[in-house]
Amino acid sequence: MRLLNKLVLLTVGFFTLLGCAQQPKDAKATTALPTAIEEINSENMVAAISAKIKHFDEEPLYYLRIGKENCIIEVLVNDMPVYKSYELSNLASPLRINGSILKSGTQTVTVRMYPVGDLIKEAYEYGETITQLGDASNVSIRVIQLDKQGAMGLNDEVELLEYQSPTADANGEVFAGAGLPFYEYAFEFFAKVPYDLSENSWGDAADLSTVDQDILEQKMLTYYKTFLKEYKRGNKDFIAQKYYQSFYVQAQAYYKSKEEIQEMWDEELELLNNPTVKPQPVKAYEMVFYAQGGVAFLRHIDKEDIYYRNKCAGYVEYFRGDDERGVFFGLYLYAPKKGFSKKEFTLIMS
């Protein structure tokens, strides 16, 4: 079974469409765009988001070029997950990360390294189970910048820095975490972007790790189960409202055109319109936190099966032709600081 991962986010938007001072006599009246999340639906979401997107003379895009040896890894930017690799192979294309950059300033990249386990035995049919990181375990990350207005070819890349996993010897050949079952390190880089998405997003989230965890878990379960129920029903307007903020943040961070936003929504509609969609039970999960406690997530507790490892506990399975597939949703939830109390709070997709 093959899986598709999607990461989905959300928030509330406010905007007004101004008419022209003078219009041709035969011009039709402009259709008013929604001014509240409750007015968002499948038909107006793309236009509403497009009306909010700002474009700039310079539209910088940030990427990570990641290489690893003798380990499997997870990568986070500003304590939000952006990449995980539980296979021996490396990422061929650069990884775009603007979606985790909410505003200009210092950005933090965190790398989590694990032993390869049985991967070598499975790939080459020899060897033993590896339960510790070795001397030669290594992760190399290059932070690069491109401009969306440019050609976006290799010659247009600007390398900001390259960071290697720490070493313990003067020659830089022995990995500092050799002998350990897990190793984590972080580094920083400066990003300059023309937008500021730090408000009305997970950048302005209350610390959910401080609330009653039983209450939080029940709220999250209700959110997950309701989302899956409405997805099964094909409730496009409900899903549009949930995705609205997520789409806006992603569209602004990547300077998307109206056509590109429409492509994003069309991709969701394809699955929403699939009659074979079957929500799976939300079970065997653990609650984890990201964004310094501001974002909570229910993920599968299974660490051995790559199909489930570190995936969202809210997912559906469906058929495309004779091919059975799965989609694990990005139900990363946060509570806005405004109006927040430890007893009363509302969860929103980040």
Protein backbone atom coordinates (compact mmCIF):
# COMPACT_ATOMS: atom_id res chain seq x y z
CA MET A 1 0.00 0.00 0.00
CA ARG A 2 1.32 3.38 -0.89
CA LEU A 3 0.54 6.48 1.03
CA LEU A 4 0.21 10.13 0.34
CA ASN A 5 1.04 12.60 3.05
CA LYS A 6 -0.61 15.92 3.21
CA LEU A 7 -0.02 18.60 5.40
CA VAL A 8 -3.07 20.87 6.02
CA LEU A 9 -3.33 24.08 8.12
CA LEU A 10 -5.96 26.79 9.01
CA THR A 11 -6.95 30.28 10.44
CA VAL A 12 -9.50 33.07 10.12
CA GLY A 13 -9.28 35.77 7.43
CA PHE A 14 -10.67 39.27 7.11
CA PHE A 15 -10.69 41.35 3.95
CA THR A 16 -12.80 43.79 1.89
CA LEU A 17 -12.98 44.08 -1.89
CA LEU A 18 -12.97 47.70 -3.02
CA GLY A 19 -14.79 48.64 -6.17
CA CYS A 20 -13.35 50.95 -8.76
CA ALA A 21 -14.26 54.62 -8.58
CA GLN A 22 -15.56 54.50 -12.13
CA GLN A 23 -16.84 51.47 -14.01
CA PRO A 24 -18.09 50.90 -17.53
CA LYS A 25 -21.85 51.29 -17.81
CA ASP A 26 -22.29 47.61 -18.67
CA ALA A 27 -20.10 46.34 -15.84
CA LYS A 28 -21.71 43.75 -13.60
CA ALA A 29 -21.91 44.29 -9.86
CA THR A 30 -18.95 42.79 -8.01
CA THR A 31 -19.77 39.72 -5.93
CA ALA A 32 -18.92 40.44 -2.30
CA LEU A 33 -16.22 38.21 -0.82
CA PRO A 34 -16.80 36.58 2.58
CA THR A 35 -15.86 38.54 5.66
CA ALA A 36 -16.15 35.71 8.23
CA ILE A 37 -15.00 32.10 8.34
CA GLU A 38 -18.62 30.95 8.52
CA GLU A 39 -19.17 32.44 5.06
CA ILE A 40 -16.33 30.48 3.46
CA ASN A 41 -17.44 27.63 1.21
CA SER A 42 -16.08 25.45 -1.54
CA GLU A 43 -17.09 27.93 -4.24
CA ASN A 44 -15.65 31.16 -2.80
CA MET A 45 -12.56 29.98 -0.89
CA VAL A 46 -10.08 30.33 -3.74
CA ALA A 47 -11.25 33.84 -4.62
CA ALA A 48 -11.23 34.85 -0.96
CA ILE A 49 -7.66 33.66 -0.43
CA SER A 50 -6.43 35.10 -3.71
CA ALA A 51 -7.79 38.52 -2.73
CA LYS A 52 -5.64 38.47 0.42
CA ILE A 53 -2.34 37.38 -1.12
CA LYS A 54 0.27 40.11 -1.45
CA HIS A 55 2.92 39.99 -4.12
CA PHE A 56 6.31 41.69 -4.03
CA ASP A 57 9.15 42.71 -6.31
CA GLU A 58 11.32 40.16 -4.52
CA GLU A 59 9.74 36.89 -3.38
CA PRO A 60 12.46 34.81 -1.66
CA LEU A 61 12.00 31.07 -1.26
CA TYR A 62 14.05 29.03 1.20
CA TYR A 63 15.02 25.38 0.79
CA LEU A 64 17.08 22.71 2.51
CA ARG A 65 19.32 20.34 0.57
CA ILE A 66 19.63 17.33 2.86
CA GLY A 67 22.11 14.47 2.70
CA LYS A 68 22.46 11.67 5.26
CA GLU A 69 24.64 8.62 5.82
CA ASN A 70 24.20 5.66 8.16
CA CYS A 71 21.08 7.02 9.86
CA ILE A 72 17.43 7.87 9.43
CA ILE A 73 16.22 11.35 10.29
CA GLU A 74 13.48 13.82 11.10
CA VAL A 75 13.86 17.55 10.42
CA LEU A 76 11.93 20.44 11.96
CA VAL A 77 11.99 24.16 11.15
CA ASN A 78 11.01 26.45 14.02
CA ASP A 79 9.92 23.30 15.89
CA MET A 80 7.42 22.33 13.20
CA PRO A 81 8.03 19.06 11.27
CA VAL A 82 9.01 19.50 7.63
CA TYR A 83 10.68 16.21 6.67
CA LYS A 84 11.19 12.63 7.77
CA SER A 85 13.16 9.87 6.08
CA TYR A 86 13.05 6.31 7.37
CA GLU A 87 14.79 4.80 4.35
CA LEU A 88 18.42 4.51 3.24
CA SER A 89 17.92 6.72 0.19
CA ASN A 90 18.43 10.48 0.19
CA LEU A 91 16.14 13.33 -0.82
CA ALA A 92 16.83 14.13 -4.47
CA SER A 93 15.15 17.54 -4.67
CA PRO A 94 15.61 20.49 -2.30
CA LEU A 95 12.99 20.72 0.45
CA ARG A 96 10.98 23.95 0.48
CA ILE A 97 10.41 25.40 3.97
CA ASN A 98 8.70 28.80 3.59
CA GLY A 99 5.56 27.29 5.11
CA SER A 100 7.37 27.11 8.45
CA ILE A 101 8.86 30.61 8.16
CA LEU A 102 6.25 33.01 9.50
CA LYS A 103 8.31 36.20 9.41
CA SER A 104 11.80 37.58 8.89
CA GLY A 105 14.42 36.80 11.48
CA THR A 106 16.38 33.91 12.93
CA GLN A 107 15.04 30.48 11.97
CA THR A 108 15.92 27.26 13.78
CA VAL A 109 16.52 23.91 12.09
CA THR A 110 16.39 20.81 14.33
CA VAL A 111 17.71 17.43 13.20
CA ARG A 112 16.80 14.16 14.93
CA MET A 113 18.97 11.14 14.05
CA TYR A 114 18.18 7.44 14.60
CA PRO A 115 19.98 4.16 13.77
CA VAL A 116 19.02 2.38 10.55
CA GLY A 117 17.73 -0.75 12.33
CA ASP A 118 17.09 -3.55 9.81
CA LEU A 119 17.22 -1.39 6.67
CA ILE A 120 20.62 -2.66 5.54
CA LYS A 121 19.59 -6.31 6.09
CA GLU A 122 16.38 -5.73 4.13
CA ALA A 123 18.14 -3.93 1.26
CA TYR A 124 21.18 -6.19 0.85
CA GLU A 125 20.10 -9.41 2.60
CA TYR A 126 23.10 -9.46 4.92
CA GLY A 127 24.33 -7.73 8.04
CA GLU A 128 22.74 -7.29 11.45
CA THR A 129 20.21 -5.08 13.17
CA ILE A 130 21.82 -1.72 13.96
CA THR A 131 20.52 -0.18 17.18
CA GLN A 132 23.10 2.58 17.68
CA LEU A 133 24.38 5.46 15.63
CA GLY A 134 27.90 4.86 14.33
CA ASP A 135 31.13 6.81 13.93
CA ALA A 136 30.26 7.46 10.27
CA SER A 137 26.66 8.58 10.86
CA ASN A 138 26.29 12.00 9.31
CA VAL A 139 23.76 14.57 8.16
CA SER A 140 24.67 17.46 5.90
CA ILE A 141 22.22 20.32 5.33
CA ARG A 142 22.67 23.24 2.98
CA VAL A 143 20.28 26.20 3.33
CA ILE A 144 19.65 27.81 -0.04
CA GLN A 145 17.63 30.76 -1.28
CA LEU A 146 15.89 31.36 -4.60
CA ASP A 147 13.54 34.06 -5.82
CA LYS A 148 10.18 32.99 -7.22
CA GLN A 149 10.40 35.69 -9.88
CA GLY A 150 13.69 34.21 -11.15
CA ALA A 151 14.43 31.18 -13.30
CA MET A 152 14.79 28.94 -10.22
CA GLY A 153 17.61 26.98 -11.79
CA LEU A 154 20.70 25.66 -10.01
CA ASN A 155 22.65 28.70 -11.14
CA ASP A 156 20.12 30.93 -9.39
CA GLU A 157 20.66 29.36 -5.97
CA VAL A 158 22.25 31.39 -3.21
CA GLU A 159 23.77 29.16 -0.54
CA LEU A 160 23.36 30.75 2.89
CA LEU A 161 25.21 28.10 4.90
CA GLU A 162 26.07 24.43 5.17
CA TYR A 163 25.88 22.56 8.46
CA GLN A 164 27.25 19.12 9.24
CA SER A 165 26.23 16.97 12.19
CA PRO A 166 28.64 17.51 15.12
CA THR A 167 31.84 15.50 15.39
CA ALA A 168 33.92 14.48 18.40
CA ASP A 169 37.44 14.52 16.94
CA ALA A 170 39.80 17.17 15.63
CA ASN A 171 39.60 15.85 12.06
CA GLY A 172 35.82 15.96 12.03
CA GLU A 173 35.48 12.30 11.08
CA VAL A 174 33.84 10.72 14.14
CA PHE A 175 30.19 11.50 14.80
CA ALA A 176 29.60 13.02 18.24
CA GLY A 177 26.57 10.79 18.85
CA ALA A 178 28.27 7.49 18.04
CA GLY A 179 27.01 4.71 20.29
CA LEU A 180 23.70 6.41 21.07
CA PRO A 181 20.20 5.23 20.03
CA PHE A 182 19.13 8.83 19.32
CA TYR A 183 20.83 12.17 18.74
CA GLU A 184 19.39 15.65 18.27
CA TYR A 185 21.06 18.91 17.35
CA ALA A 186 19.99 22.31 16.01
CA PHE A 187 21.40 25.26 14.10
CA GLU A 188 20.12 28.66 13.00
CA PHE A 189 20.02 30.79 9.88
CA PHE A 190 18.59 34.19 9.04
CA ALA A 191 15.72 34.52 6.58
CA LYS A 192 14.33 37.74 5.16
CA VAL A 193 10.78 37.50 3.82
CA PRO A 194 8.42 40.34 2.77
CA TYR A 195 5.41 38.92 4.63
CA ASP A 196 4.53 38.53 8.33
CA LEU A 197 2.28 35.57 9.19
CA SER A 198 3.14 35.43 12.88
CA GLU A 199 -0.34 36.54 14.01
CA ASN A 200 -3.55 34.53 13.59
CA SER A 201 -1.42 31.41 13.17
CA TRP A 202 0.55 28.92 15.25
CA GLY A 203 3.05 31.73 15.67
CA ASP A 204 0.65 33.28 18.20
CA ALA A 205 -0.48 30.09 19.95
CA ALA A 206 -1.11 29.50 23.65
CA ASP A 207 1.00 26.84 25.37
CA LEU A 208 -1.18 23.71 25.23
CA SER A 209 1.28 21.73 27.31
CA THR A 210 0.10 23.70 30.37
CA VAL A 211 -3.59 22.75 30.17
CA ASP A 212 -5.29 19.66 31.65
CA GLN A 213 -4.05 16.93 29.30
CA ASP A 214 -7.20 14.82 29.63
CA ILE A 215 -9.35 17.77 28.54
CA LEU A 216 -6.99 18.55 25.67
CA GLU A 217 -7.01 14.94 24.51
CA GLN A 218 -10.81 14.80 24.48
CA LYS A 219 -11.02 18.05 22.52
CA MET A 220 -8.50 16.73 20.02
CA LEU A 221 -10.32 13.43 19.62
CA THR A 222 -13.57 15.26 18.98
CA TYR A 223 -11.85 17.44 16.39
CA TYR A 224 -10.23 14.48 14.62
CA LYS A 225 -13.38 12.36 14.55
CA THR A 226 -15.59 15.21 13.35
CA PHE A 227 -13.13 16.07 10.61
CA LEU A 228 -13.02 12.45 9.41
CA LYS A 229 -16.81 12.13 9.55
CA GLU A 230 -17.35 15.22 7.40
CA TYR A 231 -14.61 14.12 5.02
CA LYS A 232 -16.39 10.82 4.51
CA ARG A 233 -19.63 12.71 3.82
CA GLY A 234 -17.83 14.77 1.20
CA ASN A 235 -18.84 17.96 3.01
CA LYS A 236 -16.85 20.34 0.82
CA ASP A 237 -17.99 23.53 2.57
CA PHE A 238 -17.03 22.20 6.01
CA ILE A 239 -13.60 21.11 4.79
CA ALA A 240 -13.12 24.43 2.96
CA GLN A 241 -13.64 26.30 6.23
CA LYS A 242 -11.15 24.05 8.01
CA TYR A 243 -8.56 24.40 5.26
CA TYR A 244 -9.07 28.10 4.66
CA GLN A 245 -6.41 29.45 7.01
CA SER A 246 -3.98 26.71 6.11
CA PHE A 247 -4.33 27.45 2.44
CA TYR A 248 -3.93 31.17 3.05
CA VAL A 249 -0.72 30.76 5.07
CA GLN A 250 0.77 28.41 2.49
CA ALA A 251 -0.37 30.55 -0.44
CA GLN A 252 1.17 33.70 1.05
CA ALA A 253 4.38 31.99 2.14
CA TYR A 254 4.88 30.68 -1.41
CA TYR A 255 3.43 33.75 -3.18
CA LYS A 256 0.89 31.65 -5.06
CA SER A 257 -1.28 32.89 -7.91
CA LYS A 258 -5.02 32.34 -8.03
CA GLU A 259 -4.45 29.51 -10.50
CA GLU A 260 -2.01 27.81 -8.14
CA ILE A 261 -4.44 28.14 -5.23
CA GLN A 262 -7.16 26.61 -7.40
CA GLU A 263 -4.87 23.67 -8.13
CA MET A 264 -4.40 23.14 -4.38
CA TRP A 265 -8.16 23.04 -3.82
CA ASP A 266 -8.83 20.89 -6.90
CA GLU A 267 -6.45 18.29 -5.47
CA GLU A 268 -8.46 18.21 -2.24
CA LEU A 269 -11.75 18.04 -4.14
CA GLU A 270 -10.56 15.00 -6.06
CA LEU A 271 -10.29 13.04 -2.82
CA LEU A 272 -13.42 14.58 -1.28
CA ASN A 273 -15.41 13.43 -4.30
CA ASN A 274 -14.03 9.88 -4.15
CA PRO A 275 -16.86 7.57 -2.97
CA THR A 276 -14.40 4.93 -1.71
CA VAL A 277 -12.98 7.16 1.06
CA LYS A 278 -13.10 5.25 4.36
CA PRO A 279 -12.06 6.97 7.62
CA GLN A 280 -9.94 4.79 9.89
CA PRO A 281 -10.39 4.55 13.68
CA VAL A 282 -8.41 7.05 15.74
CA LYS A 283 -6.52 4.66 17.99
CA ALA A 284 -3.06 3.56 19.11
CA TYR A 285 -1.86 7.16 19.29
CA GLU A 286 0.23 9.40 21.48
CA MET A 287 -0.09 13.16 21.99
CA VAL A 288 2.99 15.19 21.11
CA PHE A 289 3.74 18.91 21.03
CA TYR A 290 5.45 21.17 18.52
CA ALA A 291 6.13 24.92 18.26
CA GLN A 292 7.36 25.06 21.87
CA GLY A 293 4.10 23.59 23.16
CA GLY A 294 1.84 25.73 21.01
CA VAL A 295 0.79 22.93 18.64
CA ALA A 296 -0.58 19.53 19.66
CA PHE A 297 -0.76 16.43 17.47
CA LEU A 298 -2.06 12.88 17.80
CA ARG A 299 0.35 10.54 16.05
CA HIS A 300 0.49 6.80 15.65
CA ILE A 301 2.45 5.15 18.43
CA ASP A 302 3.85 2.47 16.11
CA LYS A 303 7.55 3.16 15.52
CA GLU A 304 8.39 -0.01 13.62
CA ASP A 305 5.98 0.13 10.66
CA ILE A 306 7.13 2.90 8.29
CA TYR A 307 3.56 3.21 7.00
CA TYR A 308 2.46 4.56 10.38
CA ARG A 309 5.64 5.93 11.94
CA ASN A 310 5.21 9.55 13.03
CA LYS A 311 2.00 9.86 10.99
CA CYS A 312 -1.25 11.51 12.05
CA ALA A 313 -3.74 9.27 13.87
CA GLY A 314 -6.46 10.83 11.71
CA TYR A 315 -6.39 9.27 8.25
CA VAL A 316 -8.49 7.71 5.53
CA GLU A 317 -7.99 4.90 3.06
CA TYR A 318 -9.44 4.90 -0.45
CA PHE A 319 -9.13 3.33 -3.88
CA ARG A 320 -7.84 4.93 -7.05
CA GLY A 321 -8.77 2.34 -9.60
CA ASP A 322 -7.54 -0.96 -8.16
CA ASP A 323 -4.82 0.74 -6.10
CA GLU A 324 -5.59 1.10 -2.39
CA ARG A 325 -4.03 4.17 -0.82
CA GLY A 326 -3.96 6.13 2.40
CA VAL A 327 -3.93 9.84 3.29
CA PHE A 328 -2.69 10.93 6.71
CA PHE A 329 -3.96 14.43 7.42
CA GLY A 330 -1.89 17.20 8.97
CA LEU A 331 -4.16 17.79 11.96
CA TYR A 332 -1.72 19.92 13.95
CA LEU A 333 -3.92 21.90 16.33
CA TYR A 334 -3.38 25.11 18.28
CA ALA A 335 -5.39 27.49 20.45
CA PRO A 336 -5.11 31.25 19.78
CA LYS A 337 -3.79 33.31 22.69
CA LYS A 338 -6.70 35.72 22.36
CA GLY A 339 -9.50 34.58 24.65
CA PHE A 340 -7.50 31.60 25.86
CA SER A 341 -7.90 30.10 29.31
CA LYS A 342 -6.75 26.73 30.56
CA LYS A 343 -10.37 25.64 31.01
CA GLU A 344 -11.93 27.16 27.91
CA PHE A 345 -10.18 27.19 24.55
CA THR A 346 -10.90 26.48 20.90
CA LEU A 347 -8.65 24.33 18.72
CA ILE A 348 -7.75 25.36 15.18
CA MET A 349 -5.69 23.63 12.50
CA SER A 350 -2.28 25.22 12.27
